[in-house]
N, C-alpha and C. Protein backbone atom coordinates (compact mmCIF):
# COMPACT_ATOMS: atom_id res chain seq x y z
N MET A 1 52.22 -138.17 32.50
CA MET A 1 51.90 -138.32 31.10
C MET A 1 51.37 -136.99 30.56
N PHE A 2 51.79 -136.63 29.37
CA PHE A 2 51.35 -135.40 28.74
C PHE A 2 50.31 -135.70 27.67
N ALA A 3 49.44 -134.73 27.43
CA ALA A 3 48.41 -134.84 26.40
C ALA A 3 48.52 -133.64 25.47
N VAL A 4 48.25 -133.86 24.20
CA VAL A 4 48.15 -132.79 23.22
C VAL A 4 46.67 -132.50 23.05
N TYR A 5 46.31 -131.21 22.99
CA TYR A 5 44.91 -130.83 22.85
C TYR A 5 44.78 -129.73 21.80
N ILE A 6 43.59 -129.62 21.24
CA ILE A 6 43.29 -128.58 20.25
C ILE A 6 42.04 -127.85 20.73
N GLN A 7 42.10 -126.52 20.69
CA GLN A 7 40.95 -125.71 21.06
C GLN A 7 40.60 -124.83 19.88
N TYR A 8 39.33 -124.44 19.79
CA TYR A 8 38.84 -123.65 18.67
C TYR A 8 38.13 -122.40 19.17
N SER A 9 38.48 -121.24 18.59
CA SER A 9 37.80 -119.99 18.87
C SER A 9 36.86 -119.70 17.71
N GLN A 10 35.58 -119.79 17.94
CA GLN A 10 34.61 -119.58 16.87
C GLN A 10 34.62 -118.13 16.39
N SER A 11 34.76 -117.17 17.28
CA SER A 11 34.71 -115.76 16.87
C SER A 11 35.90 -115.37 16.00
N LEU A 12 37.06 -116.00 16.21
CA LEU A 12 38.24 -115.70 15.41
C LEU A 12 38.50 -116.73 14.32
N ASP A 13 37.76 -117.83 14.35
CA ASP A 13 37.95 -118.95 13.43
C ASP A 13 39.41 -119.40 13.44
N LYS A 14 39.94 -119.60 14.66
CA LYS A 14 41.33 -120.03 14.84
C LYS A 14 41.40 -121.22 15.78
N TYR A 15 42.40 -122.04 15.55
CA TYR A 15 42.68 -123.18 16.41
C TYR A 15 43.92 -122.89 17.24
N TYR A 16 43.97 -123.47 18.44
CA TYR A 16 45.13 -123.38 19.32
C TYR A 16 45.50 -124.81 19.70
N VAL A 17 46.77 -125.15 19.53
CA VAL A 17 47.26 -126.48 19.88
C VAL A 17 48.20 -126.34 21.07
N GLY A 18 48.02 -127.19 22.06
CA GLY A 18 48.88 -127.15 23.24
C GLY A 18 49.13 -128.54 23.78
N CYS A 19 49.99 -128.61 24.79
CA CYS A 19 50.22 -129.88 25.49
C CYS A 19 50.36 -129.59 26.97
N THR A 20 49.94 -130.53 27.79
CA THR A 20 49.95 -130.36 29.23
C THR A 20 49.87 -131.71 29.92
N SER A 21 50.21 -131.73 31.18
CA SER A 21 50.05 -132.94 31.97
C SER A 21 48.71 -132.95 32.71
N ASP A 22 48.00 -131.81 32.74
CA ASP A 22 46.70 -131.71 33.42
C ASP A 22 45.74 -130.92 32.53
N VAL A 23 45.02 -131.61 31.67
CA VAL A 23 44.18 -130.97 30.67
C VAL A 23 43.09 -130.10 31.31
N SER A 24 42.40 -130.60 32.32
CA SER A 24 41.30 -129.82 32.89
C SER A 24 41.79 -128.52 33.52
N GLU A 25 42.90 -128.54 34.21
CA GLU A 25 43.45 -127.30 34.80
C GLU A 25 43.93 -126.35 33.71
N ARG A 26 44.52 -126.89 32.67
CA ARG A 26 45.02 -126.04 31.58
C ARG A 26 43.87 -125.37 30.85
N LEU A 27 42.78 -126.09 30.63
CA LEU A 27 41.62 -125.48 29.97
C LEU A 27 41.01 -124.38 30.82
N LYS A 28 41.00 -124.57 32.15
CA LYS A 28 40.51 -123.52 33.04
C LYS A 28 41.35 -122.26 32.88
N LYS A 29 42.67 -122.42 32.82
CA LYS A 29 43.54 -121.25 32.68
C LYS A 29 43.31 -120.56 31.33
N HIS A 30 43.13 -121.33 30.28
CA HIS A 30 42.86 -120.73 28.98
C HIS A 30 41.63 -119.85 29.02
N ASN A 31 40.64 -120.23 29.79
CA ASN A 31 39.37 -119.52 29.82
C ASN A 31 39.31 -118.42 30.87
N THR A 32 40.47 -118.03 31.41
CA THR A 32 40.54 -116.88 32.31
C THR A 32 41.23 -115.74 31.57
N ASN A 33 41.16 -114.57 32.11
CA ASN A 33 41.75 -113.40 31.47
C ASN A 33 43.21 -113.26 31.85
N HIS A 34 44.04 -114.21 31.46
CA HIS A 34 45.46 -114.16 31.77
C HIS A 34 46.20 -113.43 30.65
N SER A 35 47.49 -113.21 30.80
CA SER A 35 48.24 -112.38 29.86
C SER A 35 48.68 -113.11 28.59
N GLY A 36 48.46 -114.40 28.49
CA GLY A 36 48.87 -115.15 27.30
C GLY A 36 47.92 -114.98 26.12
N PHE A 37 48.25 -115.61 25.02
CA PHE A 37 47.47 -115.50 23.79
C PHE A 37 46.01 -115.88 24.00
N THR A 38 45.75 -116.99 24.64
CA THR A 38 44.38 -117.47 24.77
C THR A 38 43.59 -116.73 25.85
N GLY A 39 44.24 -115.98 26.71
CA GLY A 39 43.53 -115.23 27.74
C GLY A 39 42.70 -114.10 27.19
N LYS A 40 43.01 -113.65 25.99
CA LYS A 40 42.29 -112.54 25.38
C LYS A 40 41.20 -112.99 24.41
N LEU A 41 41.07 -114.28 24.23
CA LEU A 41 40.09 -114.80 23.29
C LEU A 41 38.77 -115.11 23.98
N ASP A 42 37.76 -115.37 23.17
CA ASP A 42 36.50 -115.84 23.72
C ASP A 42 36.72 -117.24 24.29
N ILE A 43 35.73 -117.78 24.94
CA ILE A 43 35.85 -119.12 25.51
C ILE A 43 36.20 -120.11 24.41
N LEU A 44 37.25 -120.81 24.62
CA LEU A 44 37.69 -121.80 23.64
C LEU A 44 37.02 -123.13 23.91
N LYS A 45 36.71 -123.84 22.88
CA LYS A 45 36.08 -125.15 23.00
C LYS A 45 37.11 -126.21 22.67
N GLU A 46 37.13 -127.24 23.47
CA GLU A 46 38.01 -128.37 23.21
C GLU A 46 37.47 -129.15 22.02
N THR A 47 38.36 -129.53 21.12
CA THR A 47 37.96 -130.36 20.00
C THR A 47 38.71 -131.67 20.06
N THR A 48 38.14 -132.70 19.48
CA THR A 48 38.82 -133.99 19.47
C THR A 48 38.89 -134.55 18.06
């Protein structure tokens, strides 16, 4: 099963929308310094 999630970067005042089958693992990846868009941002917070 897939989930859609929304994250918010307070420093940039931007939202990021994604989907994944493993939300907790995906959020961990977002908060690491990877080469994608969210890897360069501050810690993103999950919103509901």
